Amino acid sequence: MNDQNQPSTNRGRFALLATGGCAVLLFLVALIAIPLLLGPQYLYQIADRIQGATSAATVEFTPRVVPTYTELPVTDVPGIQGEDEILSLSGFFDELGPGVVNIRVFLEQGGMIGEGAGSGFILDQNGHIVTNDHVVANADLISVIFSNGIEVEADIIGTDPYSDIAVLKVDTLPYDARPLQLGNSDSVEVGEWVVAIGNPFGQQSSMTTGIVSAVGRTIPTAGTPFSIPQAIQTDAAINPGNSGGPLLNLDGQVIGVNAQIASAGVNANTGVGFAIPSNIVRVVAPSLIERGSYTWPRMGVTGTDLSLLLRQANNLEIQQGAYVDGVDPDGPAAEAGMIGSTGTRAVSGVEAPVGGDVIIAIDGEPVLSFSDLLVDIAFKQPGEEVQLTILRDGSEKQITVTLAPRP
C-alpha cells in the first residue's frame, strides 16, 4: 500500500356463524380454504383479526400487501417523517430516485467512437453532479439522463484521480430533480442497512439493498500509486454501471460513492463492493467546484501492517504499527531521515522485509495499522508538519516530517 495513498385492493369478507355443528364445520373449512385461495397476504389479516371476532359477527377488512423485503423505520427522509411512520422501499425510491442520474460517456480513440456508462447524484440546486473520476476520464462528450428520462449534456468542472471523485455540471435541472444530502461516513457502522441506486449494466434507476459489511477498508485508485482510505464495504449488489452512484443510509443520506467491486475475475457483483466515504466528498467536491482540482498531502513512503511474519523477521515485541517498506528518495520522509527495508529474512521458509522503520504514533496518537497512517496523513494539508514516533533497531525515535503536495 502507498501513503501517496464505488392485492390489489380487493375487499374480502368472512363471517363467523354460531349456529350448530354444520355451521361450525363450514366455518372451519372456509377458514382454511379462503386464505389459501386468496393468497398469503390474507393469512396476516386473519391472524391480526381472528382473536377479537365474535359469533354471528361479520368482519370487514382491507388486505395489506406482504412486502418482499422487511420495511424499516426511517425518520429523517424529507416528506416522510413522523414517530410512527414506516417508509417502504418503494417510498424510499420514489423520494430519492430523482436525485440519481445515469451518465453516458462518449470518447474517440483512433477514429473509433467508444461509449461508457456510470451513475452519479445531484449535489446541489446549481446543477453540480458527483460521480467517479474513472467514469468520465478522457470523455469527449458526457450526457446525463435524469430519472424522468430528460437527457442533457454535462461539463466536467473538476476531477481528482487520487480520490476517484469528479464533479459535473448541467445548465438546468428538471423540475422534479432533487439534490441528495451528504451524511457523515465516520458514523457508519457494520450491520447498518444501506441502499444503492444507480444504473448497473445500463439499466437505469435500479435499486439494491444490503448492509455495511465492513468499514475502514483501503482501496486502490486507477492510474495512481495512491490508495483511498476509509472505504465502506457493502454486500448491496454493485455492478458495472453503478460506479459514481450513491450508497445511502436509511435516513436518505449519501454515506458513500459506489466505486469498486471485488470480483475474483468476474466482472459482476459477488457480494463485496466498495464505496468512497462521503467525508472525502465533503473535502474534495468544494475544491473541484471552486478551482477544478484538489491538492492532497503526501509523506512519501510505502508500507504495510505489522504482521506476525514481519514481527518475527524484525524481532519486534510490539503487536501493531505501520511498517515502512520503501521511502521515496525525493519525498518528505526521506528528507526527514526515515528508513525503509534494507533486506529480507526467511521466516519458516518465507522471505520477509527487514530493517524498515515502524511508525507507532503520529502527533501523539497511536498508529495501529498502515491504514491508520493513510487516514491521518490524507486529511492534513501540504506544508503541515507531523510528529512521528518510530521504532528503529529496538529504540523509539521522534521524527518531524513536513508534508508535500502529491505530484
Protein backbone atom coordinates (compact mmCIF):
# COMPACT_ATOMS: atom_id res chain seq x y z
CA MET A 1 0.00 0.00 0.00
CA ASN A 2 1.07 3.54 -0.62
CA ASP A 3 0.57 6.64 1.50
CA GLN A 4 0.57 8.57 -1.64
CA ASN A 5 -2.25 6.95 -0.87
CA GLN A 6 -17.53 2.65 -5.76
CA PRO A 7 -53.90 -7.16 -3.73
CA SER A 8 -54.95 -5.21 -5.49
CA THR A 9 -57.33 -3.63 -3.04
CA ASN A 10 -59.95 -6.44 -3.28
CA ARG A 11 -62.15 -6.28 -0.24
CA GLY A 12 -62.53 -9.71 1.37
CA ARG A 13 -65.20 -10.70 3.76
CA PHE A 14 -65.72 -13.64 6.06
CA ALA A 15 -68.33 -14.42 8.67
CA LEU A 16 -68.22 -16.38 11.87
CA LEU A 17 -71.51 -18.29 12.23
CA ALA A 18 -72.56 -19.54 15.66
CA THR A 19 -75.36 -21.84 14.52
CA GLY A 20 -74.93 -25.57 15.16
CA GLY A 21 -72.40 -28.20 14.16
CA CYS A 22 -72.73 -27.80 10.35
CA ALA A 23 -72.09 -24.11 10.57
CA VAL A 24 -69.01 -24.72 12.67
CA LEU A 25 -67.74 -27.26 10.16
CA LEU A 26 -68.37 -24.88 7.26
CA PHE A 27 -66.56 -22.18 9.17
CA LEU A 28 -63.50 -24.35 9.73
CA VAL A 29 -63.34 -25.35 6.07
CA ALA A 30 -63.70 -21.74 5.00
CA LEU A 31 -61.10 -20.59 7.47
CA ILE A 32 -58.55 -22.92 5.89
CA ALA A 33 -59.57 -22.61 2.24
CA ILE A 34 -60.11 -18.90 1.82
CA PRO A 35 -56.59 -17.83 2.77
CA LEU A 36 -55.10 -20.49 0.53
CA LEU A 37 -57.20 -19.32 -2.40
CA LEU A 38 -56.79 -15.62 -1.84
CA GLY A 39 -53.09 -15.56 -1.10
CA PRO A 40 -50.65 -15.27 1.80
CA GLN A 41 -51.50 -11.65 2.49
CA TYR A 42 -54.88 -12.78 3.92
CA LEU A 43 -53.15 -15.03 6.42
CA TYR A 44 -51.67 -11.94 8.00
CA GLN A 45 -55.05 -10.20 8.16
CA ILE A 46 -56.81 -13.22 9.64
CA ALA A 47 -54.07 -13.64 12.22
CA ASP A 48 -54.48 -9.98 13.14
CA ARG A 49 -58.25 -10.03 13.43
CA ILE A 50 -59.41 -13.52 14.41
CA GLN A 51 -58.76 -13.00 18.10
CA GLY A 52 -61.45 -10.35 18.52
CA ALA A 53 -64.11 -11.89 16.22
CA THR A 54 -67.40 -12.88 17.83
CA SER A 55 -70.09 -15.36 16.81
CA ALA A 56 -72.56 -14.24 14.15
CA ALA A 57 -70.38 -11.16 13.51
CA THR A 58 -69.26 -10.10 10.04
CA VAL A 59 -65.75 -8.64 9.96
CA GLU A 60 -64.68 -6.49 7.01
CA PHE A 61 -61.07 -5.66 6.27
CA THR A 62 -58.76 -4.41 3.55
CA PRO A 63 -55.92 -6.89 2.87
CA ARG A 64 -52.39 -5.46 3.05
CA VAL A 65 -49.52 -6.34 0.77
CA VAL A 66 -46.88 -8.56 2.34
CA PRO A 67 -43.57 -6.84 1.47
CA THR A 68 -40.86 -8.86 -0.21
CA TYR A 69 -38.38 -7.01 1.99
CA THR A 70 -38.97 -6.06 5.61
CA GLU A 71 -39.96 -2.44 5.87
CA LEU A 72 -37.65 -0.50 8.14
CA PRO A 73 -38.27 2.72 10.08
CA VAL A 74 -36.88 5.91 8.62
CA THR A 75 -37.26 9.20 10.44
CA ASP A 76 -35.33 11.88 8.59
CA VAL A 77 -36.29 11.49 4.93
CA PRO A 78 -37.89 14.77 3.77
CA GLY A 79 -41.64 14.50 3.38
CA ILE A 80 -41.88 11.14 5.14
CA GLN A 81 -41.44 11.96 8.78
CA GLY A 82 -43.22 11.04 11.97
CA GLU A 83 -42.56 8.94 15.02
CA ASP A 84 -44.76 6.05 13.94
CA GLU A 85 -44.24 6.24 10.18
CA ILE A 86 -42.74 3.37 8.22
CA LEU A 87 -41.13 4.08 4.87
CA SER A 88 -41.34 1.23 2.39
CA LEU A 89 -38.52 0.68 -0.03
CA SER A 90 -40.77 1.81 -2.87
CA GLY A 91 -41.38 5.02 -0.97
CA PHE A 92 -37.67 5.40 -0.38
CA PHE A 93 -37.01 5.03 -4.10
CA ASP A 94 -39.79 7.47 -5.05
CA GLU A 95 -38.36 10.04 -2.67
CA LEU A 96 -34.67 9.74 -3.50
CA GLY A 97 -34.57 8.29 -7.05
CA PRO A 98 -34.91 11.77 -8.66
CA GLY A 99 -31.55 12.64 -7.08
CA VAL A 100 -29.70 9.92 -9.02
CA VAL A 101 -28.67 10.20 -12.67
CA ASN A 102 -27.48 7.94 -15.45
CA ILE A 103 -24.23 9.06 -17.10
CA ARG A 104 -23.31 8.21 -20.67
CA VAL A 105 -19.78 8.87 -21.87
CA PHE A 106 -18.56 9.06 -25.47
CA LEU A 107 -14.90 9.17 -26.46
CA GLU A 108 -12.98 8.91 -29.69
CA GLN A 109 -9.91 6.73 -29.96
CA GLY A 110 -8.12 6.00 -33.21
CA GLY A 111 -11.07 7.14 -35.27
CA MET A 112 -13.45 4.88 -33.35
CA ILE A 113 -16.20 6.13 -31.03
CA GLY A 114 -16.42 4.32 -27.73
CA GLU A 115 -19.18 4.54 -25.18
CA GLY A 116 -19.23 4.03 -21.42
CA ALA A 117 -21.80 4.34 -18.69
CA GLY A 118 -21.96 5.10 -15.00
CA SER A 119 -24.04 6.79 -12.36
CA GLY A 120 -24.00 9.99 -10.35
CA PHE A 121 -26.04 12.00 -7.89
CA ILE A 122 -27.14 15.63 -7.71
CA LEU A 123 -25.13 17.58 -5.17
CA ASP A 124 -26.91 20.95 -5.19
CA GLN A 125 -29.51 23.10 -6.91
CA ASN A 126 -26.80 24.70 -9.07
CA GLY A 127 -26.60 21.59 -11.24
CA HIS A 128 -23.46 20.04 -9.77
CA ILE A 129 -23.34 16.25 -10.03
CA VAL A 130 -20.89 13.93 -8.25
CA THR A 131 -19.59 10.80 -9.95
CA ASN A 132 -16.37 8.78 -10.19
CA ASP A 133 -13.35 10.16 -11.97
CA HIS A 134 -12.88 6.83 -13.74
CA VAL A 135 -16.40 7.12 -15.21
CA VAL A 136 -15.73 10.38 -17.07
CA ALA A 137 -11.94 10.28 -17.59
CA ASN A 138 -10.91 11.19 -21.17
CA ALA A 139 -14.53 11.77 -22.23
CA ASP A 140 -15.22 13.83 -25.35
CA LEU A 141 -18.95 14.10 -24.65
CA ILE A 142 -20.92 13.43 -21.48
CA SER A 143 -24.69 13.17 -21.26
CA VAL A 144 -26.74 13.00 -18.09
CA ILE A 145 -30.10 11.25 -18.04
CA PHE A 146 -32.39 12.17 -15.17
CA SER A 147 -34.88 9.81 -13.57
CA ASN A 148 -37.72 11.31 -15.64
CA GLY A 149 -35.89 10.49 -18.89
CA ILE A 150 -34.69 14.02 -19.72
CA GLU A 151 -31.16 13.90 -21.21
CA VAL A 152 -28.80 16.87 -21.26
CA GLU A 153 -25.12 17.49 -21.92
CA ALA A 154 -22.83 17.93 -18.93
CA ASP A 155 -19.45 19.58 -18.50
CA ILE A 156 -16.60 18.35 -16.30
CA ILE A 157 -15.68 21.12 -13.90
CA GLY A 158 -13.26 19.18 -11.71
CA THR A 159 -11.64 15.78 -11.33
CA ASP A 160 -9.48 14.13 -8.69
CA PRO A 161 -7.98 10.75 -9.65
CA TYR A 162 -6.50 10.34 -6.13
CA SER A 163 -9.98 10.05 -4.58
CA ASP A 164 -11.70 8.89 -7.80
CA ILE A 165 -14.16 11.78 -7.49
CA ALA A 166 -15.33 14.07 -10.29
CA VAL A 167 -17.90 16.87 -10.39
CA LEU A 168 -20.02 17.57 -13.46
CA LYS A 169 -22.35 20.48 -14.12
CA VAL A 170 -25.53 20.82 -16.13
CA ASP A 171 -27.10 24.17 -17.02
CA THR A 172 -30.54 23.38 -15.65
CA LEU A 173 -32.15 20.70 -13.54
CA PRO A 174 -35.56 19.19 -14.34
CA TYR A 175 -38.40 20.42 -12.14
CA ASP A 176 -38.58 17.16 -10.20
CA ALA A 177 -34.83 16.65 -9.71
CA ARG A 178 -33.58 16.91 -6.15
CA PRO A 179 -30.15 17.15 -4.53
CA LEU A 180 -29.17 14.41 -2.12
CA GLN A 181 -27.81 15.16 1.34
CA LEU A 182 -24.32 14.06 2.35
CA GLY A 183 -24.16 12.03 5.55
CA ASN A 184 -21.30 11.51 7.96
CA SER A 185 -19.35 8.45 6.83
CA ASP A 186 -17.35 8.41 10.07
CA SER A 187 -20.51 7.36 11.94
CA VAL A 188 -21.27 4.39 9.67
CA GLU A 189 -21.28 1.05 11.50
CA VAL A 190 -21.04 -2.53 10.35
CA GLY A 191 -24.51 -4.07 10.07
CA GLU A 192 -26.31 -0.88 9.02
CA TRP A 193 -28.83 -1.30 6.24
CA VAL A 194 -27.91 0.57 3.06
CA VAL A 195 -29.41 1.20 -0.36
CA ALA A 196 -27.55 1.61 -3.65
CA ILE A 197 -29.25 3.38 -6.56
CA GLY A 198 -27.66 3.51 -10.00
CA ASN A 199 -27.55 2.13 -13.50
CA PRO A 200 -25.93 -1.33 -13.49
CA PHE A 201 -25.27 -2.63 -17.00
CA GLY A 202 -27.07 0.48 -18.30
CA GLN A 203 -30.34 -0.47 -16.59
CA GLN A 204 -31.44 2.97 -15.48
CA SER A 205 -32.74 3.69 -11.99
CA SER A 206 -32.04 0.33 -10.39
CA MET A 207 -32.06 -0.08 -6.62
CA THR A 208 -30.42 -2.74 -4.48
CA THR A 209 -30.23 -3.22 -0.73
CA GLY A 210 -27.80 -4.76 1.72
CA ILE A 211 -25.78 -3.99 4.79
CA VAL A 212 -22.45 -2.39 5.57
CA SER A 213 -20.23 -5.44 5.79
CA ALA A 214 -17.04 -3.60 6.82
CA VAL A 215 -15.65 -0.11 7.29
CA GLY A 216 -12.17 1.36 7.14
CA ARG A 217 -11.11 -0.50 4.01
CA THR A 218 -8.22 0.77 1.88
CA ILE A 219 -8.83 0.52 -1.87
CA PRO A 220 -6.54 1.32 -4.81
CA THR A 221 -7.04 4.08 -7.34
CA ALA A 222 -6.85 3.63 -11.09
CA GLY A 223 -3.68 5.02 -12.63
CA THR A 224 -2.05 6.35 -9.45
CA PRO A 225 0.19 4.74 -6.81
CA PHE A 226 -2.00 6.12 -4.04
CA SER A 227 -4.81 4.47 -2.07
CA ILE A 228 -8.19 5.65 -0.79
CA PRO A 229 -8.65 5.09 2.96
CA GLN A 230 -11.82 4.60 4.98
CA ALA A 231 -13.79 2.98 2.15
CA ILE A 232 -17.12 1.39 3.05
CA GLN A 233 -17.64 -2.26 2.15
CA THR A 234 -21.18 -3.46 1.37
CA ASP A 235 -22.95 -6.57 0.18
CA ALA A 236 -25.60 -4.50 -1.64
CA ALA A 237 -25.33 -5.55 -5.28
CA ILE A 238 -22.96 -3.23 -7.16
CA ASN A 239 -22.21 -3.95 -10.81
CA PRO A 240 -20.57 -2.18 -13.75
CA GLY A 241 -22.60 0.98 -14.31
CA ASN A 242 -23.19 1.56 -10.59
CA SER A 243 -19.90 3.46 -10.38
CA GLY A 244 -20.44 7.02 -9.23
CA GLY A 245 -23.89 6.40 -7.79
CA PRO A 246 -24.81 6.89 -4.14
CA LEU A 247 -24.72 4.44 -1.27
CA LEU A 248 -27.46 5.68 1.06
CA ASN A 249 -28.31 5.07 4.68
CA LEU A 250 -31.93 4.70 5.77
CA ASP A 251 -32.10 8.39 6.63
CA GLY A 252 -31.76 9.02 2.90
CA GLN A 253 -28.24 10.44 3.24
CA VAL A 254 -25.32 9.67 0.93
CA ILE A 255 -22.67 7.89 3.00
CA GLY A 256 -20.54 6.80 0.06
CA VAL A 257 -19.95 6.87 -3.68
CA ASN A 258 -20.06 3.38 -5.17
CA ALA A 259 -16.78 2.78 -6.94
CA GLN A 260 -15.39 -0.76 -7.00
CA ILE A 261 -16.21 -4.43 -6.65
CA ALA A 262 -14.08 -7.37 -5.57
CA SER A 263 -14.95 -9.93 -8.21
CA ALA A 264 -12.19 -12.56 -8.41
CA GLY A 265 -12.00 -12.20 -12.18
CA VAL A 266 -15.77 -11.99 -12.74
CA ASN A 267 -16.89 -8.51 -13.77
CA ALA A 268 -20.09 -8.65 -11.74
CA ASN A 269 -21.33 -8.49 -8.17
CA THR A 270 -20.04 -11.14 -5.81
CA GLY A 271 -21.25 -9.53 -2.61
CA VAL A 272 -18.20 -7.36 -1.93
CA GLY A 273 -18.48 -3.79 -3.14
CA PHE A 274 -16.73 -0.62 -2.02
CA ALA A 275 -17.86 2.98 -1.73
CA ILE A 276 -15.68 6.07 -1.33
CA PRO A 277 -16.67 7.65 2.00
CA SER A 278 -18.88 10.73 1.89
CA ASN A 279 -16.49 12.68 4.12
CA ILE A 280 -13.94 12.56 1.30
CA VAL A 281 -16.61 14.03 -0.98
CA ARG A 282 -17.16 16.77 1.61
CA VAL A 283 -13.49 17.70 1.40
CA VAL A 284 -12.85 17.25 -2.32
CA ALA A 285 -16.05 18.39 -4.06
CA PRO A 286 -15.99 22.06 -2.95
CA SER A 287 -12.41 22.38 -4.21
CA LEU A 288 -13.31 20.76 -7.53
CA ILE A 289 -16.19 23.21 -7.93
CA GLU A 290 -14.06 26.21 -6.99
CA ARG A 291 -10.84 25.51 -8.85
CA GLY A 292 -11.17 22.18 -10.68
CA SER A 293 -8.75 20.16 -8.56
CA TYR A 294 -7.81 19.17 -5.03
CA THR A 295 -4.31 19.05 -3.55
CA TRP A 296 -3.58 16.06 -1.35
CA PRO A 297 -0.59 15.79 1.00
CA ARG A 298 1.99 13.04 0.87
CA MET A 299 4.73 11.73 3.10
CA GLY A 300 6.48 9.58 0.51
CA VAL A 301 6.50 6.07 1.96
CA THR A 302 5.14 2.67 1.06
CA GLY A 303 4.42 0.00 3.62
CA THR A 304 2.03 -2.42 5.22
CA ASP A 305 0.52 -3.52 8.51
CA LEU A 306 2.80 -5.03 11.14
CA SER A 307 2.04 -8.71 10.61
CA LEU A 308 3.23 -11.70 12.63
CA LEU A 309 5.71 -12.53 9.88
CA LEU A 310 7.18 -9.02 9.95
CA ARG A 311 7.37 -9.02 13.73
CA GLN A 312 9.27 -12.29 13.80
CA ALA A 313 11.61 -11.30 10.99
CA ASN A 314 12.42 -7.98 12.67
CA ASN A 315 12.48 -9.32 16.26
CA LEU A 316 9.76 -6.90 17.33
CA GLU A 317 7.78 -7.23 20.55
CA ILE A 318 5.02 -4.76 19.62
CA GLN A 319 1.83 -6.10 18.09
CA GLN A 320 0.62 -3.20 15.93
CA GLY A 321 2.02 -0.40 13.81
CA ALA A 322 2.78 0.68 10.24
CA TYR A 323 5.84 -0.94 8.73
CA VAL A 324 7.76 1.26 6.27
CA ASP A 325 8.96 -0.86 3.39
CA GLY A 326 10.03 1.85 0.96
CA VAL A 327 10.90 5.55 1.12
CA ASP A 328 10.70 7.85 -1.90
CA PRO A 329 14.20 9.36 -2.14
CA ASP A 330 12.69 12.67 -3.28
CA GLY A 331 9.89 12.73 -0.72
CA PRO A 332 9.39 14.41 2.65
CA ALA A 333 10.01 11.23 4.66
CA ALA A 334 13.45 10.75 3.09
CA GLU A 335 14.30 14.35 3.83
CA ALA A 336 13.36 13.75 7.47
CA GLY A 337 15.65 10.69 7.62
CA MET A 338 13.13 7.86 7.55
CA ILE A 339 14.43 4.43 6.52
CA GLY A 340 12.71 1.67 4.55
CA SER A 341 13.57 -2.02 4.28
CA THR A 342 17.25 -2.85 3.93
CA GLY A 343 16.90 -6.54 3.03
CA THR A 344 14.90 -9.69 3.71
CA ARG A 345 14.98 -12.57 6.17
CA ALA A 346 13.46 -16.03 5.89
CA VAL A 347 10.86 -16.98 8.50
CA SER A 348 9.72 -20.60 8.19
CA GLY A 349 10.86 -20.50 4.60
CA VAL A 350 9.04 -17.24 3.77
CA GLU A 351 11.07 -14.14 2.95
CA ALA A 352 10.05 -11.02 4.86
CA PRO A 353 11.44 -7.47 4.63
CA VAL A 354 13.64 -6.27 7.46
CA GLY A 355 15.28 -3.06 8.59
CA GLY A 356 12.42 -0.63 7.91
CA ASP A 357 11.15 1.89 10.44
CA VAL A 358 7.90 1.07 12.25
CA ILE A 359 5.57 4.03 12.80
CA ILE A 360 3.73 3.60 16.11
CA ALA A 361 2.30 7.11 16.63
CA ILE A 362 1.56 10.32 14.73
CA ASP A 363 1.19 13.57 16.64
CA GLY A 364 0.93 11.52 19.83
CA GLU A 365 -1.95 9.35 18.56
CA PRO A 366 -1.34 5.59 18.23
CA VAL A 367 -0.92 4.16 14.73
CA LEU A 368 -2.30 0.62 14.74
CA SER A 369 -2.03 -0.12 11.02
CA PHE A 370 -0.80 1.33 7.76
CA SER A 371 -4.40 2.32 7.03
CA ASP A 372 -4.36 4.45 10.19
CA LEU A 373 -1.34 6.26 8.81
CA LEU A 374 -3.07 6.83 5.47
CA VAL A 375 -6.10 8.35 7.16
CA ASP A 376 -4.03 10.62 9.41
CA ILE A 377 -1.96 11.93 6.50
CA ALA A 378 -4.83 12.23 3.99
CA PHE A 379 -6.82 14.76 5.98
CA LYS A 380 -3.90 17.08 6.64
CA GLN A 381 -2.58 19.81 4.33
CA PRO A 382 0.60 20.11 2.26
CA GLY A 383 3.15 22.10 4.24
CA GLU A 384 1.83 20.83 7.57
CA GLU A 385 4.30 19.20 9.97
CA VAL A 386 3.60 15.83 11.59
CA GLN A 387 5.46 14.34 14.54
CA LEU A 388 6.12 10.63 14.06
CA THR A 389 7.10 8.18 16.76
CA ILE A 390 9.03 5.31 15.19
CA LEU A 391 10.82 2.16 16.24
CA ARG A 392 14.29 1.66 14.78
CA ASP A 393 16.74 -1.01 15.92
CA GLY A 394 14.62 -1.60 19.03
CA SER A 395 14.63 2.06 20.12
CA GLU A 396 11.98 4.78 19.88
CA LYS A 397 12.79 7.92 17.90
CA GLN A 398 10.90 11.12 17.10
CA ILE A 399 10.91 12.37 13.51
CA THR A 400 9.28 15.54 12.18
CA VAL A 401 8.04 15.32 8.58
CA THR A 402 6.82 18.30 6.58
CA LEU A 403 4.17 17.05 4.17
CA ALA A 404 4.41 17.91 0.49
CA PRO A 405 1.78 18.06 -2.26
CA ARG A 406 1.22 14.94 -4.31
CA PRO A 407 2.74 15.27 -7.75
